[in-house]
Protein backbone atom coordinates (compact mmCIF):
# COMPACT_ATOMS: atom_id res chain seq x y z
CA UNK A 1 201.07 118.65 141.02
CA UNK A 2 198.13 117.64 143.28
CA UNK A 3 194.53 117.45 141.96
CA UNK A 4 192.80 120.45 143.74
CA UNK A 5 189.42 118.87 142.97
CA UNK A 6 190.12 115.83 145.46
CA UNK A 7 188.89 116.30 149.03
CA UNK A 8 191.67 117.88 151.32
CA UNK A 9 190.61 115.14 154.07
CA UNK A 10 188.45 112.16 154.21
CA UNK A 11 184.83 112.65 154.50
CA UNK A 12 183.42 113.72 157.71
CA UNK A 13 181.67 110.49 158.96
CA UNK A 14 177.79 111.00 159.76
CA UNK A 15 177.57 111.09 163.56
CA UNK A 16 175.49 108.13 164.44
CA UNK A 17 171.77 109.34 165.87
CA UNK A 18 172.09 112.61 164.28
CA UNK A 19 169.99 113.62 161.34
CA UNK A 20 171.45 114.71 158.30
CA UNK A 21 170.97 118.45 157.57
CA UNK A 22 168.22 119.59 155.39
CA UNK A 23 169.29 121.41 152.13
CA UNK A 24 168.79 125.16 151.96
CA UNK A 25 166.40 124.48 148.93
CA UNK A 26 164.06 122.14 150.97
CA UNK A 27 164.09 124.15 153.69
CA UNK A 28 162.98 127.51 151.76
CA UNK A 29 160.43 125.29 149.75
CA UNK A 30 158.83 124.41 153.04
CA UNK A 31 158.15 128.35 153.93
CA UNK A 32 157.51 129.18 150.54
CA UNK A 33 154.60 126.49 150.35
CA UNK A 34 153.11 127.96 153.74
CA UNK A 35 153.05 131.42 152.56
CA UNK A 36 151.43 130.45 149.20
CA UNK A 37 148.64 128.42 151.02
CA UNK A 38 147.83 131.63 153.35
CA UNK A 39 147.76 133.72 149.80
CA UNK A 40 145.16 131.19 148.70
CA UNK A 41 143.09 131.43 151.94
CA UNK A 42 143.39 135.50 151.60
CA UNK A 43 141.96 135.66 148.63
CA UNK A 44 139.37 132.96 149.13
CA UNK A 45 138.11 134.85 152.36
CA UNK A 46 138.09 138.19 150.28
CA UNK A 47 135.70 136.61 147.98
CA UNK A 48 133.80 135.22 150.36
CA UNK A 49 133.26 138.36 152.30
CA UNK A 50 132.39 139.96 149.13
CA UNK A 51 129.71 137.30 148.09
CA UNK A 52 128.33 137.95 151.52
CA UNK A 53 128.21 141.79 151.05
CA UNK A 54 126.72 141.18 147.67
CA UNK A 55 123.76 139.12 148.82
CA UNK A 56 123.34 141.31 152.13
CA UNK A 57 124.38 144.83 151.67
CA UNK A 58 122.89 145.73 155.06
CA UNK A 59 125.47 143.59 156.58
CA UNK A 60 127.71 146.39 156.75
CA UNK A 61 125.73 148.31 159.20
CA UNK A 62 125.72 145.49 161.71
CA UNK A 63 129.05 143.67 161.97
CA UNK A 64 132.30 145.33 163.03
CA UNK A 65 135.57 146.12 161.02
CA UNK A 66 136.66 142.52 161.95
CA UNK A 67 133.58 139.89 162.72
CA UNK A 68 134.28 136.47 163.79
CA UNK A 69 130.82 135.52 162.91
CA UNK A 70 131.76 136.58 158.98
CA UNK A 71 133.66 133.33 157.86
CA UNK A 72 135.24 135.72 155.17
CA UNK A 73 137.01 137.67 157.49
CA UNK A 74 138.22 134.69 159.47
CA UNK A 75 139.48 132.81 156.77
CA UNK A 76 141.32 136.24 155.36
CA UNK A 77 142.88 136.34 158.73
CA UNK A 78 144.21 133.32 158.74
CA UNK A 79 145.42 133.54 155.18
CA UNK A 80 147.40 136.82 156.30
CA UNK A 81 148.70 134.91 159.46
CA UNK A 82 150.24 132.03 157.13
CA UNK A 83 151.88 134.53 154.79
CA UNK A 84 153.36 136.42 157.53
CA UNK A 85 154.51 132.89 158.80
CA UNK A 86 155.83 131.94 155.43
CA UNK A 87 157.77 135.24 154.60
CA UNK A 88 159.31 135.06 158.07
CA UNK A 89 160.37 131.73 157.75
CA UNK A 90 161.99 132.22 154.44
CA UNK A 91 164.06 135.48 156.05
CA UNK A 92 164.94 133.53 159.21
CA UNK A 93 166.39 130.59 156.82
CA UNK A 94 168.24 133.00 154.98
CA UNK A 95 169.84 135.04 157.72
CA UNK A 96 170.70 131.80 159.53
CA UNK A 97 172.41 130.02 156.88
CA UNK A 98 174.28 133.36 156.18
CA UNK A 99 175.66 133.16 159.44
CA UNK A 100 176.21 129.31 159.47
CA UNK A 101 173.90 128.64 162.15
CA UNK A 102 171.51 125.78 161.79
CA UNK A 103 169.10 125.44 165.21
CA UNK A 104 169.00 121.87 166.00
CA UNK A 105 168.23 121.75 169.81
CA UNK A 106 164.57 121.52 170.78
CA UNK A 107 164.42 124.56 172.79
CA UNK A 108 165.93 126.73 169.76
CA UNK A 109 163.21 125.45 167.38
CA UNK A 110 160.51 126.17 169.88
CA UNK A 111 161.98 129.50 170.35
CA UNK A 112 161.67 130.32 166.41
CA UNK A 113 158.42 128.53 165.99
CA UNK A 114 156.99 130.81 169.35
CA UNK A 115 158.16 133.88 167.45
CA UNK A 116 156.50 132.98 164.24
CA UNK A 117 153.13 132.51 166.07
CA UNK A 118 153.55 135.77 167.39
CA UNK A 119 154.15 137.43 164.44
CA UNK A 120 151.28 135.31 162.60
CA UNK A 121 149.00 137.01 165.14
CA UNK A 122 150.16 140.53 164.80
CA UNK A 123 150.21 140.36 161.10
CA UNK A 124 147.15 138.66 160.77
CA UNK A 125 144.98 140.85 163.23
CA UNK A 126 146.56 144.11 161.84
CA UNK A 127 146.22 142.82 158.10
CA UNK A 128 142.23 141.93 158.40
CA UNK A 129 141.67 145.28 160.37
CA UNK A 130 143.34 147.18 157.63
CA UNK A 131 141.49 145.24 154.44
CA UNK A 132 138.38 145.65 156.48
CA UNK A 133 138.43 149.65 157.48
CA UNK A 134 139.64 150.17 153.76
CA UNK A 135 136.44 148.47 152.40
CA UNK A 136 134.07 149.07 155.19
CA UNK A 137 132.95 152.42 153.56
CA UNK A 138 132.42 150.52 150.22
CA UNK A 139 130.10 148.32 152.06
CA UNK A 140 128.18 151.13 153.99
CA UNK A 141 127.70 152.71 150.47
CA UNK A 142 126.40 149.55 149.27
CA UNK A 143 123.81 149.42 151.95
CA UNK A 144 123.01 152.98 151.09
CA UNK A 145 122.30 152.26 147.53
CA UNK A 146 120.26 149.51 148.39
CA UNK A 147 117.96 151.37 150.68
CA UNK A 148 117.50 154.29 147.57
CA UNK A 149 116.29 151.37 145.74
CA UNK A 150 113.79 150.81 148.43
CA UNK A 151 112.44 154.33 148.67
CA UNK A 152 112.83 155.33 144.88
CA UNK A 153 109.75 153.27 144.35
CA UNK A 154 107.43 155.32 146.64
CA UNK A 155 109.02 155.84 150.12
CA UNK A 156 109.37 159.58 149.79
CA UNK A 157 106.18 161.47 150.41
CA UNK A 158 105.17 162.94 146.91
CA UNK A 159 104.88 161.86 143.45
CA UNK A 160 107.18 158.61 143.94
CA UNK A 161 109.61 159.28 140.81
CA UNK A 162 112.88 157.67 140.51
CA UNK A 163 115.65 159.49 142.44
CA UNK A 164 117.97 159.40 145.05
CA UNK A 165 116.33 161.03 148.36
CA UNK A 166 118.67 161.62 151.34
CA UNK A 167 118.23 159.56 154.20
CA UNK A 168 118.12 160.86 157.84
CA UNK A 169 121.08 159.79 159.58
CA UNK A 170 121.30 157.34 162.58
CA UNK A 171 121.68 153.76 163.59
CA UNK A 172 119.66 151.23 161.66
CA UNK A 173 118.05 149.65 164.67
CA UNK A 174 116.47 151.08 167.47
CA UNK A 175 117.96 151.22 171.07
CA UNK A 176 115.04 148.77 172.38
CA UNK A 177 116.94 148.38 175.57
CA UNK A 178 116.67 152.10 176.36
CA UNK A 179 112.93 151.90 176.14
CA UNK A 180 110.71 151.39 179.13
CA UNK A 181 108.69 148.18 179.91
CA UNK A 182 105.57 150.21 178.74
CA UNK A 183 107.09 151.34 175.63
CA UNK A 184 108.17 147.97 174.56
CA UNK A 185 104.84 146.75 175.08
CA UNK A 186 103.40 149.35 172.93
CA UNK A 187 105.94 148.83 170.33
CA UNK A 188 105.43 145.37 170.44
CA UNK A 189 101.40 145.80 169.95
CA UNK A 190 101.97 148.03 167.11
CA UNK A 191 104.30 145.55 165.66
CA UNK A 192 101.91 142.49 165.67
CA UNK A 193 98.91 144.49 165.01
CA UNK A 194 100.53 146.12 161.76
CA UNK A 195 101.33 142.04 160.67
CA UNK A 196 97.85 140.86 161.58
CA UNK A 197 96.16 143.96 159.74
CA UNK A 198 98.20 143.66 156.56
CA UNK A 199 97.74 139.90 155.95
CA UNK A 200 94.68 140.77 153.57
CA UNK A 201 97.07 142.49 151.36
CA UNK A 202 99.72 139.49 150.97
CA UNK A 203 98.25 138.62 147.60
CA UNK A 204 99.27 142.01 145.30
CA UNK A 205 95.68 141.75 143.33
CA UNK A 206 93.72 142.34 146.52
CA UNK A 207 96.23 145.21 147.61
CA UNK A 208 95.78 146.61 144.23
CA UNK A 209 91.66 146.44 144.64
CA UNK A 210 91.92 148.13 148.21
CA UNK A 211 93.54 151.25 146.45
CA UNK A 212 97.14 150.57 146.60
CA UNK A 213 98.86 151.60 143.58
CA UNK A 214 102.01 149.67 142.18
CA UNK A 215 104.01 151.89 139.71
CA UNK A 216 105.17 150.53 136.51
CA UNK A 217 108.92 150.11 137.07
CA UNK A 218 109.86 149.75 133.19
CA UNK A 219 112.61 151.78 132.48
CA UNK A 220 114.23 151.93 135.52
CA UNK A 221 117.31 150.36 134.42
CA UNK A 222 117.57 148.12 137.58
CA UNK A 223 115.06 146.39 139.42
CA UNK A 224 113.64 147.74 142.62
CA UNK A 225 114.03 145.18 145.50
CA UNK A 226 111.69 146.56 147.89
CA UNK A 227 108.46 147.80 145.95
CA UNK A 228 106.63 150.63 147.98
CA UNK A 229 103.16 150.92 146.98
CA UNK A 230 101.15 153.72 148.42
CA UNK A 231 97.43 153.95 148.87
CA UNK A 232 96.55 157.91 147.97
CA UNK A 233 93.24 157.79 149.72
CA UNK A 234 94.84 156.61 152.75
CA UNK A 235 97.70 158.98 152.81
CA UNK A 236 95.24 161.89 152.88
CA UNK A 237 92.62 160.71 155.55
CA UNK A 238 93.93 162.47 158.65
CA UNK A 239 94.44 158.88 160.35
CA UNK A 240 98.26 158.22 161.50
CA UNK A 241 99.47 154.93 162.76
CA UNK A 242 96.54 153.07 162.05
CA UNK A 243 97.20 149.34 161.35
CA UNK A 244 94.13 148.89 159.92
CA UNK A 245 94.82 151.74 157.00
CA UNK A 246 98.67 151.84 156.40
CA UNK A 247 99.51 154.54 154.11
CA UNK A 248 102.16 152.31 152.11
CA UNK A 249 102.86 148.59 151.48
CA UNK A 250 106.19 147.27 151.23
CA UNK A 251 106.79 143.96 149.01
CA UNK A 252 110.02 142.37 148.49
CA UNK A 253 110.44 141.92 144.58
CA UNK A 254 111.44 138.54 143.95
CA UNK A 255 112.66 136.85 140.84
CA UNK A 256 109.19 135.35 140.65
CA UNK A 257 106.86 136.94 142.98
CA UNK A 258 106.01 140.01 145.15
CA UNK A 259 106.09 138.95 148.71
CA UNK A 260 104.84 141.45 151.44
CA UNK A 261 107.47 142.52 154.14
CA UNK A 262 106.44 145.27 155.92
CA UNK A 263 103.91 148.53 155.99
CA UNK A 264 105.03 152.23 156.00
CA UNK A 265 103.20 154.80 158.21
CA UNK A 266 103.15 158.61 156.96
CA UNK A 267 102.61 161.68 159.14
CA UNK A 268 100.98 164.72 157.54
CA UNK A 269 103.67 167.19 156.17
CA UNK A 270 105.12 169.46 158.86
CA UNK A 271 103.74 167.38 161.81
CA UNK A 272 105.71 164.55 163.94
CA UNK A 273 104.31 161.02 163.95
CA UNK A 274 103.49 159.77 167.57
CA UNK A 275 106.38 158.06 169.31
CA UNK A 276 103.82 155.23 170.92
CA UNK A 277 106.73 153.15 171.46
CA UNK A 278 109.24 155.70 172.45
CA UNK A 279 112.90 154.98 171.34
CA UNK A 280 111.89 152.13 169.41
CA UNK A 281 109.36 154.11 167.38
CA UNK A 282 111.15 156.40 165.64
CA UNK A 283 110.15 158.44 162.58
CA UNK A 284 112.23 159.88 159.69
CA UNK A 285 112.16 161.96 156.62
CA UNK A 286 113.87 162.22 153.18
CA UNK A 287 115.31 165.17 151.88
CA UNK A 288 116.24 165.51 147.81
CA UNK A 289 116.75 168.33 145.59
CA UNK A 290 114.02 168.77 142.51
CA UNK A 291 113.56 170.34 139.22
CA UNK A 292 111.02 172.94 139.71
CA UNK A 293 109.34 172.56 136.62
CA UNK A 294 109.05 168.50 136.53
CA UNK A 295 109.59 168.02 139.90
CA UNK A 296 112.08 165.32 139.36
CA UNK A 297 114.40 164.36 141.95
CA UNK A 298 118.02 165.39 140.48
CA UNK A 299 120.22 164.65 143.63
CA UNK A 300 120.65 165.17 147.56
CA UNK A 301 121.49 168.38 149.39
CA UNK A 302 124.76 169.17 150.72
CA UNK A 303 124.73 170.72 154.20
CA UNK A 304 121.10 170.95 153.52
CA UNK A 305 121.09 173.20 150.61
CA UNK A 306 120.34 172.24 146.65
CA UNK A 307 122.38 174.04 143.63
CA UNK A 308 121.05 177.28 142.33
CA UNK A 309 117.64 176.55 140.23
CA UNK A 310 116.88 173.24 142.03
CA UNK A 311 114.10 173.14 144.94
CA UNK A 312 115.24 171.48 148.32
CA UNK A 313 112.60 169.35 149.43
CA UNK A 314 111.72 167.60 152.55
CA UNK A 315 108.99 164.66 153.05
CA UNK A 316 106.56 164.15 155.52
CA UNK A 317 107.89 161.91 158.68
CA UNK A 318 107.46 158.05 157.95
CA UNK A 319 108.18 154.94 159.72
CA UNK A 320 108.58 151.20 158.51
CA UNK A 321 107.21 148.18 160.12
CA UNK A 322 109.18 145.14 159.06
CA UNK A 323 107.43 141.78 159.41
CA UNK A 324 110.66 140.17 161.01
CA UNK A 325 110.79 137.84 164.35
CA UNK A 326 112.01 140.54 166.66
CA UNK A 327 111.23 143.92 168.16
CA UNK A 328 114.60 145.27 167.27
CA UNK A 329 114.57 144.72 163.38
CA UNK A 330 110.78 145.36 163.12
CA UNK A 331 111.48 149.02 163.47
CA UNK A 332 114.72 149.35 161.57
CA UNK A 333 115.17 152.29 159.51
CA UNK A 334 116.80 150.32 156.15
CA UNK A 335 115.35 146.90 155.43
CA UNK A 336 116.79 144.39 157.83
CA UNK A 337 117.94 141.70 154.81
CA UNK A 338 118.85 138.65 156.74
CA UNK A 339 115.74 139.17 159.48
CA UNK A 340 113.72 139.20 156.34
CA UNK A 341 114.79 136.27 154.48
CA UNK A 342 114.49 134.27 157.87
CA UNK A 343 111.11 135.17 158.25
CA UNK A 344 109.99 134.86 154.45
CA UNK A 345 111.62 131.34 154.69
C-alpha cells in the first residue's frame, strides 16, 4: 500500500526572483502590532488631554471638539487611525487567505494600502470627534466648577458666604472685533488704569491695611483658587468703575503665596454698570437660592425659580478686569487661566 504521508509529486521548486510567501501568522502579527501601537497612542492621548484639562479647566471653553493645538487630541486621533488600520489589515488578510488570494503585484498592494489610509482617516476623525463630544460636557462642567470656586469667596454681592451661585450665561471672552475704535480705546484705558491702580495692593498686607477683608477659608473642604477680597467701604461709596477704588481685589491662591491677578467692579443693586468700552466691558450677575433665616446659599434657581421655602436672590452687576496681556482676556467673564499663567510667569 502506498504511504499516503508522502507527497504525491515532487516539490514545486521556488522560482528564481519570486519571494517566498510570508506565513499567515506573520502577516497577522504585523497588523496586530500596528493596532496595538495605535491603542497605546490612543490611551496616551486621552491621558494627556485629561491632564491638560485638569491643569486648565477653562480650556474647554476655548477649544473645539477636535483641536489640533491640543496634543492629546492629535495623539488620540493618530491612535484611533492606527487601530483602524490594524483591524482592517487583519480582516483583509483573513478574507484574502480564505479566498486563496495573495496580492503580489505592486498596484494591488498600493490599492490595499490606499484603502487602509482612507479608512484610517475616516475612523480617526470620527473617533476623536465622538470621544471629544462625549467628554466636552464634562470639561465644561469642570470649567464652571472652577468659576464656582472663584465666586464663592466673595464674588457675589452680599455676605460672601460659601455657595454655588449661578453665573450669567454668555461667552467667556468679549467680542473685541465688534467694538468701535473709540470703545476699544476706552476699554484699554480702563484695563491699564486698573492694573496701575492696583499695584499698591500686590502685597496682601497693604490691601488689608487699606480696608480689604481677607476671609478665613478654613473648613471649606477645598482651597479657593481665586480669592475675591472685598472692600466693604468702597462697595458703599457710590463710586462706580473707579480704578483708584475697586470694590474687590482678586488674588490667585497659589501653594506658597497670593498673587494679585485682577479686580472686580460692582454696581449698586438694581442699577446697570456703565459700558464704557461697549461690548468689551460686559457686566454680569449671579443668582442663588438662599435659606431665609441664615441667608446661606443652598443652590441655583431652575428656570428662574427656587424651591419652596428658599429665597431667590440676584446680585448686583459686576465686571472683572484681569491683569493679562491682551484686551480680550482682560475682560473675560471667567478666569482666563492660560493668559493669567502667562502674565504671572
